[in-house]
Structures are given as structure tokens and as C-alpha cells.
PDB file of all heavy atoms in Angstrom:
ATOM      1  N   LEU A   1      26.110 137.947  15.223  1.00  0.00           N
ATOM      2  CA  LEU A   1      25.140 137.308  14.334  1.00  0.00           C
ATOM      3  C   LEU A   1      23.749 137.908  14.538  1.00  0.00           C
ATOM      4  O   LEU A   1      23.039 138.211  13.570  1.00  0.00           O
ATOM      5  CB  LEU A   1      25.123 135.799  14.589  1.00  0.00           C
ATOM      6  CG  LEU A   1      24.126 134.979  13.778  1.00  0.00           C
ATOM      7  CD1 LEU A   1      24.338 135.170  12.282  1.00  0.00           C
ATOM      8  CD2 LEU A   1      24.240 133.499  14.150  1.00  0.00           C
ATOM      9  N   ALA A   2      23.355 138.105  15.787  1.00  0.00           N
ATOM     10  CA  ALA A   2      22.057 138.738  16.062  1.00  0.00           C
ATOM     11  C   ALA A   2      22.013 140.150  15.494  1.00  0.00           C
ATOM     12  O   ALA A   2      20.996 140.573  14.921  1.00  0.00           O
ATOM     13  CB  ALA A   2      21.790 138.743  17.558  1.00  0.00           C
ATOM     14  N   ASP A   3      23.118 140.905  15.644  1.00  0.00           N
ATOM     15  CA  ASP A   3      23.189 142.250  15.061  1.00  0.00           C
ATOM     16  C   ASP A   3      22.924 142.200  13.558  1.00  0.00           C
ATOM     17  O   ASP A   3      22.203 143.049  13.015  1.00  0.00           O
ATOM     18  CB  ASP A   3      24.570 142.869  15.292  1.00  0.00           C
ATOM     19  CG  ASP A   3      24.851 143.222  16.741  1.00  0.00           C
ATOM     20  OD1 ASP A   3      23.900 143.289  17.535  1.00  0.00           O
ATOM     21  OD2 ASP A   3      26.044 143.432  17.071  1.00  0.00           O
ATOM     22  N   ALA A   4      23.538 141.211  12.893  1.00  0.00           N
ATOM     23  CA  ALA A   4      23.407 141.106  11.440  1.00  0.00           C
ATOM     24  C   ALA A   4      22.007 140.670  11.020  1.00  0.00           C
ATOM     25  O   ALA A   4      21.581 140.942   9.893  1.00  0.00           O
ATOM     26  CB  ALA A   4      24.448 140.124  10.896  1.00  0.00           C
ATOM     27  N   MET A   5      21.285 140.001  11.908  1.00  0.00           N
ATOM     28  CA  MET A   5      19.916 139.592  11.593  1.00  0.00           C
ATOM     29  C   MET A   5      18.943 140.756  11.628  1.00  0.00           C
ATOM     30  O   MET A   5      17.924 140.735  10.915  1.00  0.00           O
ATOM     31  CB  MET A   5      19.455 138.516  12.582  1.00  0.00           C
ATOM     32  CG  MET A   5      20.121 137.168  12.429  1.00  0.00           C
ATOM     33  SD  MET A   5      19.595 136.004  13.745  1.00  0.00           S
ATOM     34  CE  MET A   5      17.840 135.793  13.339  1.00  0.00           C
ATOM     35  N   VAL A   6      19.216 141.751  12.447  1.00  0.00           N
ATOM     36  CA  VAL A   6      18.238 142.804  12.715  1.00  0.00           C
ATOM     37  C   VAL A   6      17.733 143.504  11.456  1.00  0.00           C
ATOM     38  O   VAL A   6      16.509 143.667  11.283  1.00  0.00           O
ATOM     39  CB  VAL A   6      18.793 143.809  13.742  1.00  0.00           C
ATOM     40  CG1 VAL A   6      17.960 145.081  13.789  1.00  0.00           C
ATOM     41  CG2 VAL A   6      18.858 143.162  15.124  1.00  0.00           C
ATOM     42  N   PRO A   7      18.600 143.952  10.527  1.00  0.00           N
ATOM     43  CA  PRO A   7      18.054 144.630   9.339  1.00  0.00           C
ATOM     44  C   PRO A   7      17.102 143.749   8.533  1.00  0.00           C
ATOM     45  O   PRO A   7      16.129 144.249   7.951  1.00  0.00           O
ATOM     46  CB  PRO A   7      19.310 144.981   8.522  1.00  0.00           C
ATOM     47  CG  PRO A   7      20.422 144.976   9.513  1.00  0.00           C
ATOM     48  CD  PRO A   7      20.080 143.932  10.507  1.00  0.00           C
ATOM     49  N   TYR A   8      17.358 142.443   8.503  1.00  0.00           N
ATOM     50  CA  TYR A   8      16.488 141.525   7.765  1.00  0.00           C
ATOM     51  C   TYR A   8      15.185 141.285   8.501  1.00  0.00           C
ATOM     52  O   TYR A   8      14.117 141.196   7.884  1.00  0.00           O
ATOM     53  CB  TYR A   8      17.221 140.203   7.513  1.00  0.00           C
ATOM     54  CG  TYR A   8      18.420 140.356   6.623  1.00  0.00           C
ATOM     55  CD1 TYR A   8      19.695 140.504   7.154  1.00  0.00           C
ATOM     56  CD2 TYR A   8      18.283 140.386   5.239  1.00  0.00           C
ATOM     57  CE1 TYR A   8      20.796 140.671   6.344  1.00  0.00           C
ATOM     58  CE2 TYR A   8      19.374 140.547   4.408  1.00  0.00           C
ATOM     59  CZ  TYR A   8      20.636 140.697   4.970  1.00  0.00           C
ATOM     60  OH  TYR A   8      21.720 140.869   4.161  1.00  0.00           O
ATOM     61  N   LEU A   9      15.252 141.171   9.820  1.00  0.00           N
ATOM     62  CA  LEU A   9      14.018 141.058  10.594  1.00  0.00           C
ATOM     63  C   LEU A   9      13.119 142.267  10.353  1.00  0.00           C
ATOM     64  O   LEU A   9      11.912 142.131  10.120  1.00  0.00           O
ATOM     65  CB  LEU A   9      14.345 140.928  12.085  1.00  0.00           C
ATOM     66  CG  LEU A   9      15.039 139.645  12.537  1.00  0.00           C
ATOM     67  CD1 LEU A   9      15.493 139.773  13.989  1.00  0.00           C
ATOM     68  CD2 LEU A   9      14.125 138.436  12.376  1.00  0.00           C
ATOM     69  N   VAL A  10      13.721 143.451  10.402  1.00  0.00           N
ATOM     70  CA  VAL A  10      12.952 144.689  10.237  1.00  0.00           C
ATOM     71  C   VAL A  10      12.353 144.771   8.834  1.00  0.00           C
ATOM     72  O   VAL A  10      11.173 145.092   8.664  1.00  0.00           O
ATOM     73  CB  VAL A  10      13.834 145.915  10.539  1.00  0.00           C
ATOM     74  CG1 VAL A  10      13.122 147.211  10.178  1.00  0.00           C
ATOM     75  CG2 VAL A  10      14.249 145.924  12.009  1.00  0.00           C
ATOM     76  N   SER A  11      13.159 144.471   7.814  1.00  0.00           N
ATOM     77  CA  SER A  11      12.665 144.583   6.437  1.00  0.00           C
ATOM     78  C   SER A  11      11.593 143.540   6.130  1.00  0.00           C
ATOM     79  O   SER A  11      10.732 143.770   5.270  1.00  0.00           O
ATOM     80  CB  SER A  11      13.816 144.466   5.437  1.00  0.00           C
ATOM     81  OG  SER A  11      14.403 143.179   5.471  1.00  0.00           O
ATOM     82  N   CYS A  12      11.648 142.409   6.825  1.00  0.00           N
ATOM     83  CA  CYS A  12      10.666 141.349   6.593  1.00  0.00           C
ATOM     84  C   CYS A  12       9.439 141.471   7.488  1.00  0.00           C
ATOM     85  O   CYS A  12       8.535 140.635   7.433  1.00  0.00           O
ATOM     86  CB  CYS A  12      11.325 139.984   6.797  1.00  0.00           C
ATOM     87  SG  CYS A  12      12.577 139.592   5.548  1.00  0.00           S
ATOM     88  N   GLY A  13       9.405 142.495   8.340  1.00  0.00           N
ATOM     89  CA  GLY A  13       8.234 142.732   9.168  1.00  0.00           C
ATOM     90  C   GLY A  13       8.144 141.834  10.392  1.00  0.00           C
ATOM     91  O   GLY A  13       7.056 141.651  10.939  1.00  0.00           O
ATOM     92  N   ILE A  14       9.273 141.280  10.820  1.00  0.00           N
ATOM     93  CA  ILE A  14       9.295 140.435  12.019  1.00  0.00           C
ATOM     94  C   ILE A  14       9.815 141.271  13.179  1.00  0.00           C
ATOM     95  O   ILE A  14      10.954 141.729  13.166  1.00  0.00           O
ATOM     96  CB  ILE A  14      10.191 139.197  11.803  1.00  0.00           C
ATOM     97  CG1 ILE A  14       9.658 138.355  10.647  1.00  0.00           C
ATOM     98  CG2 ILE A  14      10.257 138.362  13.088  1.00  0.00           C
ATOM     99  CD1 ILE A  14      10.568 137.188  10.256  1.00  0.00           C
ATOM    100  N   GLN A  15       8.970 141.471  14.175  1.00  0.00           N
ATOM    101  CA  GLN A  15       9.384 142.224  15.344  1.00  0.00           C
ATOM    102  C   GLN A  15      10.171 141.313  16.286  1.00  0.00           C
ATOM    103  O   GLN A  15      10.045 140.090  16.235  1.00  0.00           O
ATOM    104  CB  GLN A  15       8.155 142.793  16.051  1.00  0.00           C
ATOM    105  CG  GLN A  15       7.337 143.736  15.175  1.00  0.00           C
ATOM    106  CD  GLN A  15       6.122 144.246  15.916  1.00  0.00           C
ATOM    107  OE1 GLN A  15       6.192 145.148  16.739  1.00  0.00           O
ATOM    108  NE2 GLN A  15       4.965 143.663  15.613  1.00  0.00           N
ATOM    109  N   TYR A  16      10.970 141.922  17.131  1.00  0.00           N
ATOM    110  CA  TYR A  16      11.793 141.115  18.026  1.00  0.00           C
ATOM    111  C   TYR A  16      12.049 141.852  19.329  1.00  0.00           C
ATOM    112  O   TYR A  16      12.026 143.082  19.401  1.00  0.00           O
ATOM    113  CB  TYR A  16      13.139 140.775  17.354  1.00  0.00           C
ATOM    114  CG  TYR A  16      14.035 141.970  17.185  1.00  0.00           C
ATOM    115  CD1 TYR A  16      15.018 142.277  18.124  1.00  0.00           C
ATOM    116  CD2 TYR A  16      13.886 142.831  16.089  1.00  0.00           C
ATOM    117  CE1 TYR A  16      15.820 143.399  17.978  1.00  0.00           C
ATOM    118  CE2 TYR A  16      14.686 143.945  15.928  1.00  0.00           C
ATOM    119  CZ  TYR A  16      15.660 144.221  16.878  1.00  0.00           C
ATOM    120  OH  TYR A  16      16.443 145.340  16.741  1.00  0.00           O
ATOM    121  N   VAL A  17      12.276 141.067  20.358  1.00  0.00           N
ATOM    122  CA  VAL A  17      12.852 141.530  21.616  1.00  0.00           C
ATOM    123  C   VAL A  17      14.082 140.678  21.838  1.00  0.00           C
ATOM    124  O   VAL A  17      14.083 139.479  21.560  1.00  0.00           O
ATOM    125  CB  VAL A  17      11.857 141.395  22.789  1.00  0.00           C
ATOM    126  CG1 VAL A  17      12.547 141.653  24.122  1.00  0.00           C
ATOM    127  CG2 VAL A  17      10.684 142.349  22.595  1.00  0.00           C
ATOM    128  N   ARG A  18      15.132 141.293  22.340  1.00  0.00           N
ATOM    129  CA  ARG A  18      16.429 140.612  22.405  1.00  0.00           C
ATOM    130  C   ARG A  18      17.007 140.698  23.805  1.00  0.00           C
ATOM    131  O   ARG A  18      16.847 141.704  24.502  1.00  0.00           O
ATOM    132  CB  ARG A  18      17.355 141.287  21.393  1.00  0.00           C
ATOM    133  CG  ARG A  18      18.764 140.767  21.342  1.00  0.00           C
ATOM    134  CD  ARG A  18      19.489 141.468  20.209  1.00  0.00           C
ATOM    135  NE  ARG A  18      20.923 141.303  20.269  1.00  0.00           N
ATOM    136  CZ  ARG A  18      21.777 141.807  19.401  1.00  0.00           C
ATOM    137  NH1 ARG A  18      21.308 142.529  18.384  1.00  0.00           N
ATOM    138  NH2 ARG A  18      23.071 141.624  19.524  1.00  0.00           N
ATOM    139  N   ASN A  19      17.655 139.624  24.230  1.00  0.00           N
ATOM    140  CA  ASN A  19      18.337 139.669  25.525  1.00  0.00           C
ATOM    141  C   ASN A  19      19.575 140.564  25.440  1.00  0.00           C
ATOM    142  O   ASN A  19      19.890 141.116  24.384  1.00  0.00           O
ATOM    143  CB  ASN A  19      18.692 138.261  26.005  1.00  0.00           C
ATOM    144  CG  ASN A  19      19.780 137.598  25.171  1.00  0.00           C
ATOM    145  OD1 ASN A  19      20.285 138.166  24.206  1.00  0.00           O
ATOM    146  ND2 ASN A  19      20.136 136.378  25.538  1.00  0.00           N
ATOM    147  N   THR A  20      20.297 140.702  26.537  1.00  0.00           N
ATOM    148  CA  THR A  20      21.514 141.503  26.576  1.00  0.00           C
ATOM    149  C   THR A  20      22.649 140.649  27.115  1.00  0.00           C
ATOM    150  O   THR A  20      22.422 139.668  27.835  1.00  0.00           O
ATOM    151  CB  THR A  20      21.330 142.747  27.464  1.00  0.00           C
ATOM    152  OG1 THR A  20      20.957 142.327  28.785  1.00  0.00           O
ATOM    153  CG2 THR A  20      20.242 143.657  26.901  1.00  0.00           C
ATOM    154  N   PRO A  21      23.892 141.000  26.791  1.00  0.00           N
ATOM    155  CA  PRO A  21      25.020 140.165  27.199  1.00  0.00           C
ATOM    156  C   PRO A  21      25.182 139.987  28.706  1.00  0.00           C
ATOM    157  O   PRO A  21      25.792 139.008  29.150  1.00  0.00           O
ATOM    158  CB  PRO A  21      26.238 140.895  26.603  1.00  0.00           C
ATOM    159  CG  PRO A  21      25.693 141.626  25.424  1.00  0.00           C
ATOM    160  CD  PRO A  21      24.318 142.060  25.844  1.00  0.00           C
ATOM    161  N   ASP A  22      24.650 140.901  29.503  1.00  0.00           N
ATOM    162  CA  ASP A  22      24.775 140.774  30.955  1.00  0.00           C
ATOM    163  C   ASP A  22      23.749 139.810  31.544  1.00  0.00           C
ATOM    164  O   ASP A  22      23.779 139.521  32.741  1.00  0.00           O
ATOM    165  CB  ASP A  22      24.645 142.143  31.626  1.00  0.00           C
ATOM    166  CG  ASP A  22      23.296 142.793  31.360  1.00  0.00           C
ATOM    167  OD1 ASP A  22      22.820 142.707  30.210  1.00  0.00           O
ATOM    168  OD2 ASP A  22      22.730 143.368  32.291  1.00  0.00           O
ATOM    169  N   MET A  23      22.866 139.282  30.713  1.00  0.00           N
ATOM    170  CA  MET A  23      21.873 138.322  31.180  1.00  0.00           C
ATOM    171  C   MET A  23      22.439 136.904  31.134  1.00  0.00           C
ATOM    172  O   MET A  23      23.576 136.676  30.732  1.00  0.00           O
ATOM    173  CB  MET A  23      20.601 138.438  30.326  1.00  0.00           C
ATOM    174  CG  MET A  23      19.892 139.775  30.453  1.00  0.00           C
ATOM    175  SD  MET A  23      18.539 140.020  29.280  1.00  0.00           S
ATOM    176  CE  MET A  23      17.345 138.829  29.888  1.00  0.00           C
ATOM    177  N   THR A  24      21.632 135.950  31.540  1.00  0.00           N
ATOM    178  CA  THR A  24      21.960 134.530  31.455  1.00  0.00           C
ATOM    179  C   THR A  24      20.867 133.843  30.650  1.00  0.00           C
ATOM    180  O   THR A  24      19.822 134.447  30.345  1.00  0.00           O
ATOM    181  CB  THR A  24      22.032 133.884  32.844  1.00  0.00           C
ATOM    182  OG1 THR A  24      20.720 133.957  33.441  1.00  0.00           O
ATOM    183  CG2 THR A  24      23.053 134.599  33.731  1.00  0.00           C
ATOM    184  N   ALA A  25      21.065 132.567  30.337  1.00  0.00           N
ATOM    185  CA  ALA A  25      20.001 131.821  29.672  1.00  0.00           C
ATOM    186  C   ALA A  25      18.747 131.803  30.540  1.00  0.00           C
ATOM    187  O   ALA A  25      17.631 131.988  30.039  1.00  0.00           O
ATOM    188  CB  ALA A  25      20.470 130.399  29.367  1.00  0.00           C
ATOM    189  N   ALA A  26      18.933 131.625  31.845  1.00  0.00           N
ATOM    190  CA  ALA A  26      17.787 131.566  32.750  1.00  0.00           C
ATOM    191  C   ALA A  26      17.020 132.879  32.784  1.00  0.00           C
ATOM    192  O   ALA A  26      15.780 132.895  32.733  1.00  0.00           O
ATOM    193  CB  ALA A  26      18.245 131.191  34.157  1.00  0.00           C
ATOM    194  N   SER A  27      17.739 133.998  32.874  1.00  0.00           N
ATOM    195  CA  SER A  27      17.040 135.288  32.907  1.00  0.00           C
ATOM    196  C   SER A  27      16.433 135.625  31.550  1.00  0.00           C
ATOM    197  O   SER A  27      15.406 136.311  31.485  1.00  0.00           O
ATOM    198  CB  SER A  27      17.976 136.400  33.387  1.00  0.00           C
ATOM    199  OG  SER A  27      19.066 136.580  32.499  1.00  0.00           O
ATOM    200  N   SER A  28      17.030 135.143  30.473  1.00  0.00           N
ATOM    201  CA  SER A  28      16.434 135.339  29.147  1.00  0.00           C
ATOM    202  C   SER A  28      15.098 134.616  29.055  1.00  0.00           C
ATOM    203  O   SER A  28      14.108 135.162  28.556  1.00  0.00           O
ATOM    204  CB  SER A  28      17.384 134.829  28.058  1.00  0.00           C
ATOM    205  OG  SER A  28      18.609 135.528  28.062  1.00  0.00           O
ATOM    206  N   ILE A  29      15.067 133.383  29.553  1.00  0.00           N
ATOM    207  CA  ILE A  29      13.823 132.616  29.545  1.00  0.00           C
ATOM    208  C   ILE A  29      12.762 133.312  30.388  1.00  0.00           C
ATOM    209  O   ILE A  29      11.600 133.423  29.980  1.00  0.00           O
ATOM    210  CB  ILE A  29      14.077 131.183  30.052  1.00  0.00           C
ATOM    211  CG1 ILE A  29      15.011 130.440  29.099  1.00  0.00           C
ATOM    212  CG2 ILE A  29      12.753 130.423  30.199  1.00  0.00           C
ATOM    213  CD1 ILE A  29      15.608 129.178  29.699  1.00  0.00           C
ATOM    214  N   ARG A  30      13.167 133.785  31.569  1.00  0.00           N
ATOM    215  CA  ARG A  30      12.211 134.466  32.437  1.00  0.00           C
ATOM    216  C   ARG A  30      11.659 135.715  31.769  1.00  0.00           C
ATOM    217  O   ARG A  30      10.450 135.992  31.846  1.00  0.00           O
ATOM    218  CB  ARG A  30      12.867 134.836  33.775  1.00  0.00           C
ATOM    219  CG  ARG A  30      13.081 133.660  34.702  1.00  0.00           C
ATOM    220  CD  ARG A  30      13.377 134.133  36.108  1.00  0.00           C
ATOM    221  NE  ARG A  30      14.583 134.956  36.189  1.00  0.00           N
ATOM    222  CZ  ARG A  30      15.798 134.466  36.389  1.00  0.00           C
ATOM    223  NH1 ARG A  30      15.988 133.151  36.511  1.00  0.00           N
ATOM    224  NH2 ARG A  30      16.839 135.280  36.463  1.00  0.00           N
ATOM    225  N   GLN A  31      12.528 136.491  31.132  1.00  0.00           N
ATOM    226  CA  GLN A  31      12.068 137.704  30.452  1.00  0.00           C
ATOM    227  C   GLN A  31      11.089 137.350  29.338  1.00  0.00           C
ATOM    228  O   GLN A  31      10.048 137.996  29.176  1.00  0.00           O
ATOM    229  CB  GLN A  31      13.246 138.484  29.888  1.00  0.00           C
ATOM    230  CG  GLN A  31      12.838 139.796  29.229  1.00  0.00           C
ATOM    231  CD  GLN A  31      14.005 140.533  28.598  1.00  0.00           C
ATOM    232  OE1 GLN A  31      14.611 140.044  27.663  1.00  0.00           O
ATOM    233  NE2 GLN A  31      14.325 141.701  29.137  1.00  0.00           N
ATOM    234  N   ALA A  32      11.421 136.333  28.561  1.00  0.00           N
ATOM    235  CA  ALA A  32      10.535 135.931  27.473  1.00  0.00           C
ATOM    236  C   ALA A  32       9.189 135.458  28.006  1.00  0.00           C
ATOM    237  O   ALA A  32       8.124 135.857  27.512  1.00  0.00           O
ATOM    238  CB  ALA A  32      11.194 134.833  26.637  1.00  0.00           C
TER     239      ALA A  32
END
């Protein structure tokens, strides 16, 4: 689902940073 969002984010001018599958919710929060 996140993969499918990316082209729309890019075309709409919304930048993003994304976690990776080897992370956890906790490490995602820390990174953010």
C-alpha cells in the first residue's frame, strides 16, 4: 500500500520519509 502511495505523493508535491520492514514501531517513532 505504501508503495502504491508513492507516485501520488510525488505528483502531489508531498515529500516523505519511510520506515523499512526490518524496523519496529518503536524504532520508526524514534527515527521520525
